[in-house]
Structures are given as C-alpha cells and as structure tokens.
C-alpha cells in the first residue's frame, strides 16, 4: 500500500459570536422603512438561493438518470471484454455525482449542519449508554438483572464526554500495568481498602496513584495462586499453560485484572468480564491498566461470543451464585468452553471443613458438584477454596448419562453458534458445531494463529486468502506506524511521569478493531512485536468470522455498531475501522454516521487515534463530521487503490474547567 499525504491537519472551526451596537438614533419612520427594505431584500435573496439549489439538484438528478439509462443501452452493444473497464469508470462517475449532491446538500443546510457537537454535562463523565440501573429498576428488573444491558430507543446522547477534572494521560506500557492515576477512574479510598476478592486486594493507594505492585506478600499471592492452579491441572507451573493447549482465558469478575496481568508474560491472553458498576468498576480499572476487559453479565443473557470460544474460564470469588437459576449459569460456561477446557472456581463455598459445619453451604456445593458431573465435567482437583474441572473431549459422554440426570442437548434450532445477548438456555450448546476440537488436539500458540487448510475450510476460505490478508496487513501496519510515530513523538516528546520509550515501542496499548474480518490487524501487530492487545469486533451485519478469530488465539466479540459498545469512556488508545462505513451504508444506514462517530469519541482516550479506511466518497463525508467532533484530521490518498482513502484523526485533550 503506497500512501501520500493529500490534505493538511485541520481543526474544527470554533463558533463565532458576533455583537453589534448602534451609532446613533434614527427617526422611527425612517428606521422602519429601512428594516422593511432589508427584510424584503433578505427574503428575495433567500428565495433565489433556494431556487438555485433546487435547480442544481434537479439538474444533477436528471443527469444521473440520463447517464444511467444511456449507459444501460450502450453496454448492450459493447463487447464483453470491455465491460469491466467501462463499468469501473462509470461507477467512479456515479460516485462523483453523488459526492456533488452531498456537497450541495451541505450548502443548502447552511452553517447549522456544521455546528460542533456540544460537550456532555459533567455528571456523564462515566456515561455508558444501554446501562441504566435506575431505568431498569423502574421497568421491574430485579435479582441482579437491573445491571443488564438494555439498549432502549433514544437512549444514546450525541454529545462529547469530557474526562474527569484532574484526568491525566495514562502512563505508557508496561509502567501503566502497575500504576494508574486515581483521578482517571471512579473509585473511592474506601472501595480500595475494602475490596474483598483475591485480585482486588493486589492494590495500594499512594497519593495520586494506585499501585498494583509492591514488595509485600500481596503481589506474591498472585504468583502462588497461578502456580497452584497449574499444579491442580497437572502442570509443573503456569509457564506450561501454552503446552497444555491453554491460550485464551475468560476471567469472570476479575477484580482489577491482576491474574491476567501476571499471565501476560506467559503469552496467555486473559479477558476480564464483570457487571456494570457505577463506581469502583473492575472493568474500568482493568482497562486503565492496559489489560483486556469488557462489561458482561451472566445474570439473564448469553454472552456475545460463539460457542466453544475459550480454553479456560476462571472465577475467583466472582460473586456469581452458580447453584442458582437451575444451573443455567454453568450451562453458559459449558457453551463457551472448548472441549477439554478447564473451569477454575475459587470460593469459600468449596472449603470442605466450612461446608460440613454449614448445612446450607454443603447443599449449595453438592448441587454445583453434581450439576458439573452431569455436564460431563471431570473434577480434576480440589484444594482449600479452589476446584478445577475439565470439560469432556468426547461427545459420547453425553449419551452415556443416566436418563433425566442432567440438562438435555440443544436441538439444531436452539444451538445458535452466534448468539447476540439471547436469553440463557437450559440445554447444552455447541454440540452441533463443526468446531468441536479438543484443546489438546489444536496447535499450540503461536502456531495456532496460522490455521491449517481443513480449519479454514469450515469458513469457506482457502489458505492463500488468509496468507494474502496477512501480507496486506503486514504492509498496512508498517505504514500506520510510519505515519503515527512522527506525529506522536513530535507532539509529545515526553509527558510528566513517563519513562523514555524508544519510538515506536509502547506508543499504543489498547486497540479496538471495529470490523476485524479475519483478525489480520491483530496478527500483523503481534508479528511486528508491538506490545498491544486488540479487541476484535465482528459487526452483526457483516460476515460471521468471529469463530475464526477466536480459533487463531485472539479475542473477539460480536457487536451491533448502532448500539453502544459495552465499555467505559476513555478506554482505548486507537480505534481502527476498515470497510465499516461501506458495510453500514449497504444496510441503508440503520443509524447515522454521527451516531457511530460519537460512540468512537466516547470510547477513545484523550489524544487517542482513529484510523478509518474506506471508499473515497465515504471518507469525504466522514471528514466533514470530524470538524463537528473537534477531531484533528488528515486525509491520505492510497496510490495503489484510487477507490479508497485513509482518514487519520486524533481526539484532542479537552480539560474540564471548574464550574
């Protein structure tokens, strides 16, 4: 991909306030006459302007109709070999005509169309559409369901979310893994000191910072805990997870991500999911540390992940009562767990001595243990408050169960491989999937990222298609880095509290790919040894390649971009979107481009980057919106592809002023 800068950096033009004053007093009759004449002139001018615009629009529409009609009859008389070239030129002409109509439409709306988006009120600094506990309670939600994701009509507010008063740019990775600014997250000192879970206790409050690493025994506890889990699985230590087929872990109610932070050095990808929390959020603090996380709940709906997605699920005092709701929470764990995968649960309920003294605890533990057995899980080990189960690798186990002893197998109609917040099921899912492959039979990481021909055939792909995608993204990432490095390090050579990173290392950490396709951007970033993690998003309206991304050892989620993404504001350093605008336009714009862009702005950290690659016409339309969003923008021509352009934007750091 050869690129060249075509347009300079521009800023949104601020609104201009004009004031006027009188130079003297006029006779009232003369003044009235002048005002009347001025009004007549304005009305006449306005009418002529509207008439001119109407004539221009009508003329262009007639031209388009005549051109399309003429080209239809013309193409019937030309040779087949010429049609491809003529169609290409004709399509470019049509796009140019549509672009002209767009520009005229913008002129006809006047300056009101170009008005900058206003900032949200200060109380919305942690605003997440679709998560409104008070509205859910008013609607009758209870028993934990009030924290569910509910996207109501008109719940989105098209305003720009400002950061907290004393917000600071996060420290660069890897320093930011252990130290974050207190002002950047919503948490009280009381919440820090009273955090109950194991991984939540791995933090200390130090003036303006929260530290997740110290010389105390608290940090050593995570290492000991990880080592214990490895031994219970039958491994020497956690460094052998990869050899056992474990690459991706779903950490339920993760505390503040210390378990995943520790395993990161072992090339284990751990994603945290936890309920929405208005304060002291596990997800917000984990993302602030540069670790993967998103809001997710087991309360009533299936997770937006395909069946058979993860190698290990972990719950350390995660707050879920696994014995409730007739075991449907455990059924959902089974659905997203790969054959041969592990479920690790740490809870006081498991402590044998404690359960013997408490009949209610014993009853609850017995239910979970028996239900797990009926799911064909093997109880591998039980130590103190921790238990490890292994999901069966053989489908024959389900047929050998005693009749009526456990949940039934889902029918093909029930067994939806791509659920999107569907209600929890009471039957075992994933059994009809062609991806039923035990983790011990899969290639280990990093070989797993290169799927073999038989695995690709499940998605109707050939090996050369994946190789071509990888090669293209290898060039794309190199070009992105070449473009961003001088911009970042010339504008911000060093911030207070930063170490001195060697460009371009550590310039980005949290990356969101809004239309991930095969996960090519993720693959290229890892191959280039960038210390990033990527949230691969597959739109609900696009091709369903999310299982492929997960099978490659990456993380991903299904999402509808006409709804808010389940994350807190200011959680990503870079948002990437290739072909997303074309995808949405093919769906006749179920929501506006402005809706999508304000959501990007909400998710993006101050001074974060947006890279959009799409059709030239759509990029031109997007460029107009960047002014309204106050983004700094560059449009870049792609010489190897005249049909596409790049739009690179940066979100400014607007500091909130004291009221």
Foldseek 3Di string as FASTA:
>chain_A
DDWDFDDDWDWFDADDDDDDDDPDDDDPVVVVVVVVVVVVVVVVVLVVLVVVLVVVLVVLVVVVVVLVVVVVVVVVPDDPVCVVVVVVVVVVVVLVSVLVNVVSVVVVVPCVVLAFAAADPQVCLFPFFQADLVVLVVVPDDPPCSLPRGHDVPSDDLHFRAFFFPDDDAAFPPVLLFKGFPSRFFADPVCQVPPDFLQSVQWDDDVGMIGNDDPDCSLVVLLVVQQVVCVLVPHRGLLCCLLQLAAEEEEALPNQCSNVSVCVVSNHQYAYEYTDDPGSDSQFNNLSSLHHYFYDDLPWWAFQAFFQQHQEYEYTPNVDQCLPPVNLSVLSVLRNHAAFGKYKYFDQLLAPVVCVVPVVSVVSVVSVVQQCVLQVWAFRDGDGRMTMTTHHLDPVVNVPDDPPSYAAADDPVRQDRRDDGHTGDRHHHPPPDPPRGHSNPADGPPVQLQDDQVVVVSQVDGSVVVVVLLVVLLVVVVVVQVVVQCVVCVVDVDDPPYDRDDPPARPFAEEEEQDCQQVNNVVNCVVVVHNYAYAYEHEPQDRPNSSNNSSNSHHYGYYHLLGAGRHTFASGQEYEYECPVVSCVVVVNPDDPSSNVSSVSRNHHAFGKYKYKYFPSVVVVVVSVCSSPRWTWTKMADVVDNRMIIIMTTHHNDNDDDD
